[in-house]
Amino acid sequence: MQPILLASSSPYRRELLQRLRLPFQWDAPEIDESHRPGETPEALVRRLAREKAMALASRYPHYLIIGSDQVAVNGDRILGKPHDFERAHAQLKAASGGSVSFLTGLALFNGERGDCQVDCVPFTVHFRALSDDAITRYLHAETPYDCAGSFKAEGLGVSLFRATEGPDATSLIGLPLIRLVDMLIKEGVAIP
């Protein structure tokens, strides 16, 4: 089996990939993650997932390299990681009673053949009506300032939801395992 590399420094993505019980390494790609003028959110995450995988190809020439990127979209606005309480509070206030779409780009680059599978997996979160007090309590309890959308779905953030919809709940955390398994099987990796 070709060795597998996760092109990410995200502890959330590493934890998800461990579920597949495959040996893998990880390394952080260095790319410009800027949004290009006129680029749709889906095109952005597809491009960034591919660029992350390709950025490490010269250092890991015989690997299967996994790249992933995610954006949260509220209406026509891309939500980045909030990084602080004020921005997180504003994101959750804007999402209150509405829906936020998460688009997760996924790429699997085969270093031996030089080809790359790329996809985008959508997932939607429908939020409860959230009071300022509920948002504040949540943010103090979980401090999700490094998470797009300002919550941790794998933790207390689930209490903010009234419903979710999409083909793969793991895409909400940043690595769509169902689609990744499809890609790995296509590359000859036996799972389970």
C-alpha atoms as a PDB file:
ATOM      1  CA  MET A   1       0.000   0.000   0.000  1.00  0.00           C
ATOM      2  CA  GLN A   2       1.195   3.506  -0.794  1.00  0.00           C
ATOM      3  CA  PRO A   3       1.893   5.544   2.308  1.00  0.00           C
ATOM      4  CA  ILE A   4      -0.750   8.141   3.190  1.00  0.00           C
ATOM      5  CA  LEU A   5      -0.144  11.748   4.137  1.00  0.00           C
ATOM      6  CA  LEU A   6      -2.696  14.177   5.535  1.00  0.00           C
ATOM      7  CA  ALA A   7      -1.807  17.664   4.285  1.00  0.00           C
ATOM      8  CA  SER A   8      -3.138  19.459   7.342  1.00  0.00           C
ATOM      9  CA  SER A   9      -2.116  20.640  10.772  1.00  0.00           C
ATOM     10  CA  SER A  10      -5.722  20.342  12.012  1.00  0.00           C
ATOM     11  CA  PRO A  11      -6.097  18.085  15.048  1.00  0.00           C
ATOM     12  CA  TYR A  12      -9.766  17.640  14.075  1.00  0.00           C
ATOM     13  CA  ARG A  13      -8.869  16.216  10.661  1.00  0.00           C
ATOM     14  CA  ARG A  14      -6.204  13.929  12.163  1.00  0.00           C
ATOM     15  CA  GLU A  15      -8.733  12.611  14.668  1.00  0.00           C
ATOM     16  CA  LEU A  16     -11.238  11.922  11.899  1.00  0.00           C
ATOM     17  CA  LEU A  17      -8.691  10.144   9.678  1.00  0.00           C
ATOM     18  CA  GLN A  18      -7.718   7.896  12.594  1.00  0.00           C
ATOM     19  CA  ARG A  19     -11.239   6.420  12.424  1.00  0.00           C
ATOM     20  CA  LEU A  20     -10.264   4.606   9.216  1.00  0.00           C
ATOM     21  CA  ARG A  21      -7.478   2.747  11.069  1.00  0.00           C
ATOM     22  CA  LEU A  22      -4.982   3.344   8.299  1.00  0.00           C
ATOM     23  CA  PRO A  23      -1.394   4.313   9.056  1.00  0.00           C
ATOM     24  CA  PHE A  24      -0.720   7.907   8.006  1.00  0.00           C
ATOM     25  CA  GLN A  25       1.592  10.813   8.534  1.00  0.00           C
ATOM     26  CA  TRP A  26       0.681  14.476   8.543  1.00  0.00           C
ATOM     27  CA  ASP A  27       2.416  17.666   7.538  1.00  0.00           C
ATOM     28  CA  ALA A  28       1.250  21.252   7.241  1.00  0.00           C
ATOM     29  CA  PRO A  29       1.160  22.653   3.704  1.00  0.00           C
ATOM     30  CA  GLU A  30       2.080  26.278   3.201  1.00  0.00           C
ATOM     31  CA  ILE A  31      -0.212  27.872   0.633  1.00  0.00           C
ATOM     32  CA  ASP A  32      -1.927  31.196   0.093  1.00  0.00           C
ATOM     33  CA  GLU A  33      -5.535  30.635   1.182  1.00  0.00           C
ATOM     34  CA  SER A  34      -6.821  33.950  -0.152  1.00  0.00           C
ATOM     35  CA  HIS A  35     -10.204  34.075  -1.845  1.00  0.00           C
ATOM     36  CA  ARG A  36      -9.839  35.134  -5.480  1.00  0.00           C
ATOM     37  CA  PRO A  37     -12.145  37.777  -6.979  1.00  0.00           C
ATOM     38  CA  GLY A  38     -15.237  36.161  -8.480  1.00  0.00           C
ATOM     39  CA  GLU A  39     -14.407  32.730  -7.053  1.00  0.00           C
ATOM     40  CA  THR A  40     -17.426  30.856  -5.728  1.00  0.00           C
ATOM     41  CA  PRO A  41     -17.171  29.214  -2.302  1.00  0.00           C
ATOM     42  CA  GLU A  42     -17.250  25.767  -3.946  1.00  0.00           C
ATOM     43  CA  ALA A  43     -14.486  26.679  -6.399  1.00  0.00           C
ATOM     44  CA  LEU A  44     -12.460  28.100  -3.502  1.00  0.00           C
ATOM     45  CA  VAL A  45     -12.555  24.928  -1.384  1.00  0.00           C
ATOM     46  CA  ARG A  46     -11.877  22.671  -4.369  1.00  0.00           C
ATOM     47  CA  ARG A  47      -8.853  24.779  -5.337  1.00  0.00           C
ATOM     48  CA  LEU A  48      -7.477  24.998  -1.796  1.00  0.00           C
ATOM     49  CA  ALA A  49      -7.903  21.260  -1.129  1.00  0.00           C
ATOM     50  CA  ARG A  50      -6.013  20.495  -4.330  1.00  0.00           C
ATOM     51  CA  GLU A  51      -3.299  23.080  -3.624  1.00  0.00           C
ATOM     52  CA  LYS A  52      -2.786  21.721  -0.105  1.00  0.00           C
ATOM     53  CA  ALA A  53      -2.269  18.197  -1.435  1.00  0.00           C
ATOM     54  CA  MET A  54      -0.020  19.368  -4.272  1.00  0.00           C
ATOM     55  CA  ALA A  55       2.062  21.633  -1.991  1.00  0.00           C
ATOM     56  CA  LEU A  56       3.608  18.598  -0.310  1.00  0.00           C
ATOM     57  CA  ALA A  57       4.007  16.409  -3.404  1.00  0.00           C
ATOM     58  CA  SER A  58       7.716  17.152  -3.923  1.00  0.00           C
ATOM     59  CA  ARG A  59       8.554  16.227  -0.306  1.00  0.00           C
ATOM     60  CA  TYR A  60       6.404  13.078  -0.376  1.00  0.00           C
ATOM     61  CA  PRO A  61       6.689  11.849  -3.989  1.00  0.00           C
ATOM     62  CA  HIS A  62       5.283   8.332  -3.577  1.00  0.00           C
ATOM     63  CA  TYR A  63       2.419   9.116  -1.202  1.00  0.00           C
ATOM     64  CA  LEU A  64      -1.319   9.373  -1.435  1.00  0.00           C
ATOM     65  CA  ILE A  65      -1.771  12.932  -0.159  1.00  0.00           C
ATOM     66  CA  ILE A  66      -5.073  14.115   1.297  1.00  0.00           C
ATOM     67  CA  GLY A  67      -5.913  17.812   1.143  1.00  0.00           C
ATOM     68  CA  SER A  68      -9.043  19.361   2.591  1.00  0.00           C
ATOM     69  CA  ASP A  69     -10.455  22.828   3.080  1.00  0.00           C
ATOM     70  CA  GLN A  70     -13.751  24.121   4.386  1.00  0.00           C
ATOM     71  CA  VAL A  71     -15.790  27.295   4.290  1.00  0.00           C
ATOM     72  CA  ALA A  72     -18.998  28.168   6.040  1.00  0.00           C
ATOM     73  CA  VAL A  73     -21.465  30.258   4.040  1.00  0.00           C
ATOM     74  CA  ASN A  74     -24.311  32.289   5.530  1.00  0.00           C
ATOM     75  CA  GLY A  75     -26.396  33.669   2.679  1.00  0.00           C
ATOM     76  CA  ASP A  76     -23.788  34.976   0.244  1.00  0.00           C
ATOM     77  CA  ARG A  77     -21.175  35.668   2.919  1.00  0.00           C
ATOM     78  CA  ILE A  78     -18.204  33.367   3.568  1.00  0.00           C
ATOM     79  CA  LEU A  79     -17.564  32.952   7.289  1.00  0.00           C
ATOM     80  CA  GLY A  80     -13.958  32.514   8.285  1.00  0.00           C
ATOM     81  CA  LYS A  81     -12.604  31.315  11.600  1.00  0.00           C
ATOM     82  CA  PRO A  82     -13.623  33.951  14.118  1.00  0.00           C
ATOM     83  CA  HIS A  83     -10.398  33.948  16.203  1.00  0.00           C
ATOM     84  CA  ASP A  84     -12.075  35.848  19.065  1.00  0.00           C
ATOM     85  CA  PHE A  85     -15.238  36.139  21.166  1.00  0.00           C
ATOM     86  CA  GLU A  86     -16.684  39.202  19.407  1.00  0.00           C
ATOM     87  CA  ARG A  87     -16.489  37.749  15.897  1.00  0.00           C
ATOM     88  CA  ALA A  88     -17.757  34.359  17.073  1.00  0.00           C
ATOM     89  CA  HIS A  89     -20.712  36.004  18.823  1.00  0.00           C
ATOM     90  CA  ALA A  90     -21.537  37.981  15.662  1.00  0.00           C
ATOM     91  CA  GLN A  91     -21.388  34.824  13.488  1.00  0.00           C
ATOM     92  CA  LEU A  92     -23.692  32.871  15.785  1.00  0.00           C
ATOM     93  CA  LYS A  93     -26.079  35.829  16.152  1.00  0.00           C
ATOM     94  CA  ALA A  94     -26.299  36.042  12.335  1.00  0.00           C
ATOM     95  CA  ALA A  95     -26.949  32.281  12.127  1.00  0.00           C
ATOM     96  CA  SER A  96     -29.634  32.287  14.845  1.00  0.00           C
ATOM     97  CA  GLY A  97     -32.885  30.828  13.520  1.00  0.00           C
ATOM     98  CA  GLY A  98     -31.383  30.355  10.069  1.00  0.00           C
ATOM     99  CA  SER A  99     -29.071  28.031   8.184  1.00  0.00           C
ATOM    100  CA  VAL A 100     -25.364  27.923   7.413  1.00  0.00           C
ATOM    101  CA  SER A 101     -23.952  25.824   4.572  1.00  0.00           C
ATOM    102  CA  PHE A 102     -20.576  24.162   4.977  1.00  0.00           C
ATOM    103  CA  LEU A 103     -18.639  23.270   1.854  1.00  0.00           C
ATOM    104  CA  THR A 104     -15.728  20.927   2.336  1.00  0.00           C
ATOM    105  CA  GLY A 105     -13.258  20.514  -0.490  1.00  0.00           C
ATOM    106  CA  LEU A 106     -11.453  17.187  -0.632  1.00  0.00           C
ATOM    107  CA  ALA A 107      -8.487  16.182  -2.788  1.00  0.00           C
ATOM    108  CA  LEU A 108      -6.513  12.954  -3.005  1.00  0.00           C
ATOM    109  CA  PHE A 109      -3.269  13.254  -4.949  1.00  0.00           C
ATOM    110  CA  ASN A 110      -1.462  10.108  -6.090  1.00  0.00           C
ATOM    111  CA  GLY A 111       2.228  10.996  -6.134  1.00  0.00           C
ATOM    112  CA  GLU A 112       3.190   7.906  -8.115  1.00  0.00           C
ATOM    113  CA  ARG A 113       0.803   8.616 -10.987  1.00  0.00           C
ATOM    114  CA  GLY A 114       0.548  12.392 -10.657  1.00  0.00           C
ATOM    115  CA  ASP A 115      -3.242  12.488 -10.776  1.00  0.00           C
ATOM    116  CA  CYS A 116      -5.639  14.075  -8.324  1.00  0.00           C
ATOM    117  CA  GLN A 117      -9.256  13.336  -7.405  1.00  0.00           C
ATOM    118  CA  VAL A 118     -11.120  16.449  -6.213  1.00  0.00           C
ATOM    119  CA  ASP A 119     -14.631  16.890  -4.850  1.00  0.00           C
ATOM    120  CA  CYS A 120     -16.767  19.174  -2.689  1.00  0.00           C
ATOM    121  CA  VAL A 121     -19.111  17.803  -0.025  1.00  0.00           C
ATOM    122  CA  PRO A 122     -21.933  20.095   1.180  1.00  0.00           C
ATOM    123  CA  PHE A 123     -23.529  20.032   4.609  1.00  0.00           C
ATOM    124  CA  THR A 124     -26.136  22.370   6.105  1.00  0.00           C
ATOM    125  CA  VAL A 125     -26.731  23.268   9.732  1.00  0.00           C
ATOM    126  CA  HIS A 126     -30.103  24.711  10.740  1.00  0.00           C
ATOM    127  CA  PHE A 127     -29.772  26.732  13.945  1.00  0.00           C
ATOM    128  CA  ARG A 128     -32.187  27.177  16.807  1.00  0.00           C
ATOM    129  CA  ALA A 129     -33.200  30.736  17.684  1.00  0.00           C
ATOM    130  CA  LEU A 130     -30.297  31.717  19.941  1.00  0.00           C
ATOM    131  CA  SER A 131     -30.457  34.375  22.635  1.00  0.00           C
ATOM    132  CA  ASP A 132     -27.414  36.547  23.365  1.00  0.00           C
ATOM    133  CA  ASP A 133     -27.113  34.764  26.731  1.00  0.00           C
ATOM    134  CA  ALA A 134     -27.150  31.315  25.106  1.00  0.00           C
ATOM    135  CA  ILE A 135     -24.472  32.372  22.602  1.00  0.00           C
ATOM    136  CA  THR A 136     -22.303  33.849  25.361  1.00  0.00           C
ATOM    137  CA  ARG A 137     -22.656  30.753  27.563  1.00  0.00           C
ATOM    138  CA  TYR A 138     -21.747  28.515  24.645  1.00  0.00           C
ATOM    139  CA  LEU A 139     -18.700  30.552  23.629  1.00  0.00           C
ATOM    140  CA  HIS A 140     -17.379  30.644  27.200  1.00  0.00           C
ATOM    141  CA  ALA A 141     -17.942  26.891  27.573  1.00  0.00           C
ATOM    142  CA  GLU A 142     -16.253  25.769  24.355  1.00  0.00           C
ATOM    143  CA  THR A 143     -14.215  28.701  22.899  1.00  0.00           C
ATOM    144  CA  PRO A 144     -14.582  27.549  19.244  1.00  0.00           C
ATOM    145  CA  TYR A 145     -12.524  30.447  17.869  1.00  0.00           C
ATOM    146  CA  ASP A 146     -10.529  28.223  15.497  1.00  0.00           C
ATOM    147  CA  CYS A 147     -13.660  26.754  13.872  1.00  0.00           C
ATOM    148  CA  ALA A 148     -15.465  28.012  10.780  1.00  0.00           C
ATOM    149  CA  GLY A 149     -18.987  28.928  11.829  1.00  0.00           C
ATOM    150  CA  SER A 150     -17.957  29.457  15.485  1.00  0.00           C
ATOM    151  CA  PHE A 151     -18.994  26.066  16.899  1.00  0.00           C
ATOM    152  CA  LYS A 152     -17.711  22.538  17.445  1.00  0.00           C
ATOM    153  CA  ALA A 153     -20.273  20.083  16.095  1.00  0.00           C
ATOM    154  CA  GLU A 154     -18.443  17.217  17.785  1.00  0.00           C
ATOM    155  CA  GLY A 155     -18.945  18.919  21.145  1.00  0.00           C
ATOM    156  CA  LEU A 156     -21.445  21.218  22.839  1.00  0.00           C
ATOM    157  CA  GLY A 157     -22.039  23.052  19.542  1.00  0.00           C
ATOM    158  CA  VAL A 158     -24.644  20.444  18.649  1.00  0.00           C
ATOM    159  CA  SER A 159     -26.909  22.082  21.249  1.00  0.00           C
ATOM    160  CA  LEU A 160     -27.177  25.115  18.933  1.00  0.00           C
ATOM    161  CA  PHE A 161     -28.753  23.068  16.106  1.00  0.00           C
ATOM    162  CA  ARG A 162     -32.361  22.292  15.352  1.00  0.00           C
ATOM    163  CA  ALA A 163     -31.436  20.033  12.395  1.00  0.00           C
ATOM    164  CA  THR A 164     -28.627  19.077  10.028  1.00  0.00           C
ATOM    165  CA  GLU A 165     -28.667  17.775   6.481  1.00  0.00           C
ATOM    166  CA  GLY A 166     -26.075  16.391   4.148  1.00  0.00           C
ATOM    167  CA  PRO A 167     -24.485  13.228   2.795  1.00  0.00           C
ATOM    168  CA  ASP A 168     -21.669  12.969   5.358  1.00  0.00           C
ATOM    169  CA  ALA A 169     -21.692  14.390   8.891  1.00  0.00           C
ATOM    170  CA  THR A 170     -17.892  14.127   9.116  1.00  0.00           C
ATOM    171  CA  SER A 171     -17.639  16.810   6.438  1.00  0.00           C
ATOM    172  CA  LEU A 172     -18.963  19.259   9.036  1.00  0.00           C
ATOM    173  CA  ILE A 173     -15.828  18.637  11.112  1.00  0.00           C
ATOM    174  CA  GLY A 174     -13.592  19.150   8.088  1.00  0.00           C
ATOM    175  CA  LEU A 175     -12.816  15.786   6.470  1.00  0.00           C
ATOM    176  CA  PRO A 176     -15.639  13.948   4.633  1.00  0.00           C
ATOM    177  CA  LEU A 177     -14.726  10.336   5.379  1.00  0.00           C
ATOM    178  CA  ILE A 178     -17.416   8.713   3.233  1.00  0.00           C
ATOM    179  CA  ARG A 179     -16.158  10.471   0.108  1.00  0.00           C
ATOM    180  CA  LEU A 180     -12.521   9.936   1.155  1.00  0.00           C
ATOM    181  CA  VAL A 181     -13.120   6.183   1.436  1.00  0.00           C
ATOM    182  CA  ASP A 182     -14.509   6.225  -2.132  1.00  0.00           C
ATOM    183  CA  MET A 183     -11.342   7.966  -3.310  1.00  0.00           C
ATOM    184  CA  LEU A 184      -8.998   5.651  -1.375  1.00  0.00           C
ATOM    185  CA  ILE A 185     -10.757   2.538  -2.715  1.00  0.00           C
ATOM    186  CA  LYS A 186     -10.298   3.895  -6.236  1.00  0.00           C
ATOM    187  CA  GLU A 187      -6.563   4.096  -5.458  1.00  0.00           C
ATOM    188  CA  GLY A 188      -6.511   0.443  -4.372  1.00  0.00           C
ATOM    189  CA  VAL A 189      -6.572   0.966  -0.606  1.00  0.00           C
ATOM    190  CA  ALA A 190      -8.494  -1.818   1.174  1.00  0.00           C
ATOM    191  CA  ILE A 191     -10.978  -0.383   3.690  1.00  0.00           C
ATOM    192  CA  PRO A 192     -11.884  -1.910   6.081  1.00  0.00           C
END
